[in-house]
């Protein structure tokens, strides 16, 4: 079972989470999510445990304080498939005229 752990203090590390969750059973893995450009924690992680231990961790840790923050702990949902083919792709959106240039020819 994979748990979502949110509202983490940015100082929290994978070892901190492993120690916290190991009180409820064997922690198989901890993945602290960080920004790919800055390397700074995004304030959430995923913890993998067996189902019984995971359910106990949810019951005991959700909405409790850890490192001065109130944790959000629940079962992780599968990641949604992102479709980038539609919508605004940063191309400027709708244009009023096609003339280009400064002011679109309306000086």
N, C-alpha and C. Protein backbone atom coordinates (compact mmCIF):
# COMPACT_ATOMS: atom_id res chain seq x y z
N UNK A 1 0.86 -1.17 0.00
CA UNK A 1 0.00 0.00 0.00
C UNK A 1 0.90 1.23 0.00
N UNK A 2 0.55 2.20 -0.82
CA UNK A 2 1.30 3.45 -0.87
C UNK A 2 0.49 4.54 -0.22
N UNK A 3 1.13 5.26 0.69
CA UNK A 3 0.48 6.35 1.41
C UNK A 3 0.96 7.69 0.88
N UNK A 4 0.05 8.62 0.79
CA UNK A 4 0.38 10.01 0.50
C UNK A 4 0.55 10.71 1.84
N UNK A 5 1.64 11.44 2.00
CA UNK A 5 1.89 12.20 3.22
C UNK A 5 2.09 13.65 2.81
N UNK A 6 1.16 14.50 3.19
CA UNK A 6 1.21 15.90 2.78
C UNK A 6 1.34 16.85 3.93
N UNK A 7 1.52 18.11 3.60
CA UNK A 7 1.70 19.21 4.54
C UNK A 7 2.95 19.01 5.38
N UNK A 8 4.00 18.48 4.74
CA UNK A 8 5.26 18.24 5.45
C UNK A 8 6.06 19.52 5.63
N UNK A 9 6.74 19.59 6.73
CA UNK A 9 7.71 20.65 6.95
C UNK A 9 8.81 20.48 5.91
N UNK A 10 9.28 21.57 5.32
CA UNK A 10 10.29 21.48 4.27
C UNK A 10 11.62 20.93 4.78
N UNK A 11 11.82 20.93 6.08
CA UNK A 11 13.05 20.38 6.68
C UNK A 11 12.97 18.87 6.85
N UNK A 12 11.79 18.28 6.72
CA UNK A 12 11.63 16.84 6.92
C UNK A 12 12.37 16.07 5.83
N UNK A 13 13.07 15.02 6.24
CA UNK A 13 13.80 14.18 5.30
C UNK A 13 13.21 12.79 5.24
N UNK A 14 13.69 12.00 4.29
CA UNK A 14 13.20 10.64 4.14
C UNK A 14 13.44 9.81 5.40
N UNK A 15 14.59 10.02 6.06
CA UNK A 15 14.90 9.28 7.29
C UNK A 15 13.90 9.64 8.39
N UNK A 16 13.53 10.92 8.50
CA UNK A 16 12.54 11.35 9.50
C UNK A 16 11.22 10.62 9.29
N UNK A 17 10.79 10.53 8.04
CA UNK A 17 9.52 9.87 7.73
C UNK A 17 9.60 8.36 7.96
N UNK A 18 10.72 7.79 7.60
CA UNK A 18 10.90 6.36 7.82
C UNK A 18 10.80 6.02 9.31
N UNK A 19 11.43 6.83 10.14
CA UNK A 19 11.37 6.60 11.58
C UNK A 19 9.95 6.79 12.12
N UNK A 20 9.26 7.82 11.64
CA UNK A 20 7.89 8.08 12.09
C UNK A 20 6.96 6.92 11.75
N UNK A 21 7.01 6.45 10.50
CA UNK A 21 6.08 5.43 10.04
C UNK A 21 6.47 4.02 10.50
N UNK A 22 7.72 3.80 10.83
CA UNK A 22 8.15 2.46 11.25
C UNK A 22 7.52 2.05 12.58
N UNK A 23 6.96 2.99 13.33
CA UNK A 23 6.26 2.65 14.57
C UNK A 23 4.99 1.84 14.28
N UNK A 24 4.53 1.83 13.03
CA UNK A 24 3.29 1.14 12.67
C UNK A 24 3.52 -0.10 11.80
N UNK A 25 4.76 -0.36 11.45
CA UNK A 25 5.08 -1.54 10.65
C UNK A 25 6.28 -1.27 9.77
N UNK A 26 6.65 -2.27 8.99
CA UNK A 26 7.83 -2.15 8.13
C UNK A 26 7.59 -1.13 7.02
N UNK A 27 8.52 -0.22 6.90
CA UNK A 27 8.48 0.78 5.82
C UNK A 27 9.31 0.22 4.66
N UNK A 28 8.65 -0.01 3.54
CA UNK A 28 9.34 -0.57 2.37
C UNK A 28 10.12 0.50 1.62
N UNK A 29 9.54 1.70 1.51
CA UNK A 29 10.23 2.79 0.84
C UNK A 29 9.60 4.13 1.23
N UNK A 30 10.42 5.17 1.10
CA UNK A 30 9.97 6.55 1.31
C UNK A 30 10.48 7.36 0.13
N UNK A 31 9.59 8.11 -0.50
CA UNK A 31 9.98 8.98 -1.62
C UNK A 31 9.53 10.40 -1.30
N UNK A 32 10.47 11.23 -0.93
CA UNK A 32 10.20 12.63 -0.67
C UNK A 32 10.27 13.36 -2.00
N UNK A 33 9.22 14.07 -2.35
CA UNK A 33 9.14 14.71 -3.66
C UNK A 33 9.77 16.10 -3.58
N UNK A 34 10.68 16.36 -4.53
CA UNK A 34 11.36 17.65 -4.54
C UNK A 34 11.24 18.29 -5.92
N UNK A 35 11.39 19.61 -5.94
CA UNK A 35 11.34 20.37 -7.17
C UNK A 35 12.55 20.01 -8.03
N UNK A 36 12.32 19.70 -9.29
CA UNK A 36 13.42 19.25 -10.14
C UNK A 36 14.41 20.35 -10.49
N UNK A 37 14.02 21.60 -10.33
CA UNK A 37 14.93 22.70 -10.65
C UNK A 37 15.71 23.19 -9.43
N UNK A 38 15.02 23.31 -8.29
CA UNK A 38 15.67 23.85 -7.09
C UNK A 38 16.15 22.77 -6.14
N UNK A 39 15.59 21.57 -6.24
CA UNK A 39 15.94 20.50 -5.31
C UNK A 39 15.24 20.62 -3.97
N UNK A 40 14.46 21.67 -3.78
CA UNK A 40 13.76 21.90 -2.51
C UNK A 40 12.53 20.99 -2.42
N UNK A 41 12.26 20.51 -1.22
CA UNK A 41 11.10 19.66 -0.99
C UNK A 41 9.82 20.38 -1.40
N UNK A 42 8.89 19.63 -1.98
CA UNK A 42 7.58 20.19 -2.33
C UNK A 42 6.59 20.05 -1.18
N UNK A 43 7.01 19.43 -0.07
CA UNK A 43 6.13 19.33 1.09
C UNK A 43 5.23 18.11 1.11
N UNK A 44 5.55 17.12 0.25
CA UNK A 44 4.79 15.88 0.32
C UNK A 44 5.69 14.71 -0.05
N UNK A 45 5.23 13.52 0.34
CA UNK A 45 6.01 12.30 0.10
C UNK A 45 5.08 11.12 -0.07
N UNK A 46 5.66 10.00 -0.48
CA UNK A 46 4.94 8.74 -0.57
C UNK A 46 5.68 7.72 0.26
N UNK A 47 4.94 6.99 1.07
CA UNK A 47 5.51 5.96 1.94
C UNK A 47 4.84 4.64 1.57
N UNK A 48 5.65 3.62 1.32
CA UNK A 48 5.12 2.31 0.97
C UNK A 48 5.26 1.37 2.17
N UNK A 49 4.13 0.75 2.54
CA UNK A 49 4.06 -0.20 3.66
C UNK A 49 3.09 -1.30 3.27
N UNK A 50 3.04 -2.39 4.07
CA UNK A 50 2.00 -3.37 3.80
C UNK A 50 0.65 -2.78 4.20
N UNK A 51 -0.43 -3.40 3.76
CA UNK A 51 -1.76 -2.80 3.90
C UNK A 51 -2.19 -2.59 5.36
N UNK A 52 -1.98 -3.58 6.22
CA UNK A 52 -2.39 -3.45 7.62
C UNK A 52 -1.62 -2.32 8.31
N UNK A 53 -0.31 -2.26 8.08
CA UNK A 53 0.52 -1.21 8.68
C UNK A 53 0.12 0.16 8.12
N UNK A 54 -0.15 0.21 6.83
CA UNK A 54 -0.56 1.47 6.20
C UNK A 54 -1.86 2.00 6.75
N UNK A 55 -2.83 1.11 6.92
CA UNK A 55 -4.12 1.54 7.48
C UNK A 55 -3.96 2.03 8.92
N UNK A 56 -3.10 1.36 9.70
CA UNK A 56 -2.85 1.80 11.07
C UNK A 56 -2.15 3.16 11.09
N UNK A 57 -1.20 3.35 10.19
CA UNK A 57 -0.50 4.64 10.10
C UNK A 57 -1.46 5.77 9.74
N UNK A 58 -2.37 5.50 8.81
CA UNK A 58 -3.38 6.51 8.45
C UNK A 58 -4.21 6.86 9.67
N UNK A 59 -4.69 5.85 10.37
CA UNK A 59 -5.55 6.07 11.54
C UNK A 59 -4.84 6.85 12.63
N UNK A 60 -3.56 6.57 12.83
CA UNK A 60 -2.83 7.19 13.93
C UNK A 60 -2.16 8.52 13.58
N UNK A 61 -1.78 8.72 12.33
CA UNK A 61 -0.98 9.89 11.99
C UNK A 61 -1.72 11.00 11.26
N UNK A 62 -2.85 10.69 10.61
CA UNK A 62 -3.57 11.74 9.90
C UNK A 62 -4.01 12.83 10.86
N UNK A 63 -3.74 14.06 10.49
CA UNK A 63 -4.13 15.25 11.27
C UNK A 63 -3.41 15.34 12.62
N UNK A 64 -2.21 14.75 12.71
CA UNK A 64 -1.39 14.91 13.92
C UNK A 64 -0.21 15.81 13.58
N UNK A 65 0.39 16.40 14.60
CA UNK A 65 1.49 17.32 14.39
C UNK A 65 2.82 16.59 14.28
N UNK A 66 3.59 16.96 13.25
CA UNK A 66 4.93 16.42 13.03
C UNK A 66 5.80 17.56 12.53
N UNK A 67 6.85 17.85 13.26
CA UNK A 67 7.77 18.95 12.91
C UNK A 67 6.99 20.26 12.69
N UNK A 68 6.10 20.55 13.62
CA UNK A 68 5.33 21.80 13.66
C UNK A 68 4.31 21.95 12.53
N UNK A 69 3.93 20.85 11.88
CA UNK A 69 2.92 20.89 10.82
C UNK A 69 1.91 19.78 11.07
N UNK A 70 0.66 20.02 10.69
CA UNK A 70 -0.41 19.03 10.83
C UNK A 70 -0.41 18.15 9.59
N UNK A 71 -0.07 16.88 9.75
CA UNK A 71 0.08 15.97 8.61
C UNK A 71 -1.24 15.61 7.95
N UNK A 72 -1.17 15.38 6.66
CA UNK A 72 -2.25 14.78 5.90
C UNK A 72 -1.72 13.41 5.48
N UNK A 73 -2.38 12.36 5.94
CA UNK A 73 -1.95 11.00 5.60
C UNK A 73 -3.16 10.23 5.08
N UNK A 74 -3.08 9.75 3.84
CA UNK A 74 -4.14 8.92 3.29
C UNK A 74 -3.57 8.00 2.22
N UNK A 75 -4.41 7.11 1.73
CA UNK A 75 -3.96 6.20 0.69
C UNK A 75 -3.74 6.99 -0.59
N UNK A 76 -2.59 6.76 -1.22
CA UNK A 76 -2.28 7.47 -2.46
C UNK A 76 -3.20 7.01 -3.57
N UNK A 77 -3.65 7.94 -4.37
CA UNK A 77 -4.46 7.62 -5.54
C UNK A 77 -3.54 7.44 -6.74
N UNK A 78 -3.93 6.63 -7.70
CA UNK A 78 -3.11 6.48 -8.91
C UNK A 78 -2.97 7.83 -9.62
N UNK A 79 -1.82 8.06 -10.19
CA UNK A 79 -1.57 9.31 -10.90
C UNK A 79 -2.43 9.36 -12.15
N UNK A 80 -3.06 10.51 -12.37
CA UNK A 80 -3.91 10.67 -13.56
C UNK A 80 -3.03 10.81 -14.79
N UNK A 81 -3.51 10.26 -15.90
CA UNK A 81 -2.80 10.39 -17.16
C UNK A 81 -2.96 11.82 -17.66
N UNK A 82 -1.84 12.47 -17.89
CA UNK A 82 -1.89 13.86 -18.37
C UNK A 82 -1.86 13.88 -19.89
N UNK A 83 -2.81 14.58 -20.50
CA UNK A 83 -2.87 14.71 -21.94
C UNK A 83 -2.53 16.15 -22.28
N UNK A 84 -1.38 16.35 -22.88
CA UNK A 84 -0.93 17.70 -23.19
C UNK A 84 -1.32 18.17 -24.59
N UNK A 85 -2.11 17.38 -25.29
CA UNK A 85 -2.44 17.75 -26.66
C UNK A 85 -3.50 18.83 -26.76
N UNK A 86 -4.28 19.02 -25.73
CA UNK A 86 -5.35 20.00 -25.82
C UNK A 86 -5.05 21.24 -24.99
N UNK A 87 -5.91 22.19 -25.06
CA UNK A 87 -5.79 23.37 -24.21
C UNK A 87 -4.72 24.34 -24.67
N UNK A 88 -4.43 25.28 -23.83
CA UNK A 88 -3.45 26.30 -24.13
C UNK A 88 -2.05 25.73 -23.93
N UNK A 89 -1.26 25.78 -24.96
CA UNK A 89 0.10 25.26 -24.87
C UNK A 89 1.12 26.39 -24.76
N UNK A 90 0.70 27.52 -24.28
CA UNK A 90 1.63 28.63 -24.11
C UNK A 90 1.94 29.35 -25.40
N UNK A 91 1.12 29.18 -26.42
CA UNK A 91 1.39 29.77 -27.72
C UNK A 91 0.75 31.12 -27.92
N UNK A 92 0.31 31.77 -26.89
CA UNK A 92 -0.24 33.11 -27.04
C UNK A 92 -1.75 33.15 -27.08
N UNK A 93 -2.40 32.02 -27.17
CA UNK A 93 -3.86 32.01 -27.13
C UNK A 93 -4.48 32.62 -28.37
N UNK A 94 -5.68 33.17 -28.24
CA UNK A 94 -6.40 33.75 -29.36
C UNK A 94 -5.78 35.11 -29.73
N UNK A 95 -5.61 35.32 -31.02
CA UNK A 95 -5.05 36.60 -31.49
C UNK A 95 -6.17 37.42 -32.14
N UNK A 96 -6.12 38.71 -31.94
CA UNK A 96 -7.17 39.57 -32.49
C UNK A 96 -6.93 39.89 -33.96
N UNK A 97 -5.67 39.99 -34.34
CA UNK A 97 -5.37 40.19 -35.76
C UNK A 97 -4.06 39.48 -36.06
N UNK A 98 -3.77 39.33 -37.30
CA UNK A 98 -2.60 38.56 -37.69
C UNK A 98 -1.49 39.43 -38.26
N UNK A 99 -1.55 40.74 -38.10
CA UNK A 99 -0.59 41.62 -38.74
C UNK A 99 0.76 41.66 -38.03
N UNK A 100 0.78 41.31 -36.75
CA UNK A 100 2.03 41.35 -36.01
C UNK A 100 2.49 42.77 -35.78
N UNK A 101 3.69 42.94 -35.29
CA UNK A 101 4.24 44.26 -35.08
C UNK A 101 3.67 44.91 -33.84
N UNK A 102 4.16 46.09 -33.53
CA UNK A 102 3.75 46.81 -32.34
C UNK A 102 2.36 47.38 -32.53
N UNK A 103 1.45 47.06 -31.64
CA UNK A 103 0.12 47.62 -31.67
C UNK A 103 -0.78 47.05 -32.76
N UNK A 104 -0.30 46.07 -33.51
CA UNK A 104 -1.13 45.43 -34.53
C UNK A 104 -1.54 46.36 -35.66
N UNK A 105 -0.76 47.44 -35.92
CA UNK A 105 -1.09 48.35 -37.01
C UNK A 105 -2.08 49.42 -36.62
N UNK A 106 -2.43 49.50 -35.34
CA UNK A 106 -3.40 50.51 -34.89
C UNK A 106 -2.64 51.56 -34.08
N UNK A 107 -1.95 52.48 -34.71
CA UNK A 107 -1.16 53.50 -33.98
C UNK A 107 -1.99 54.71 -33.71
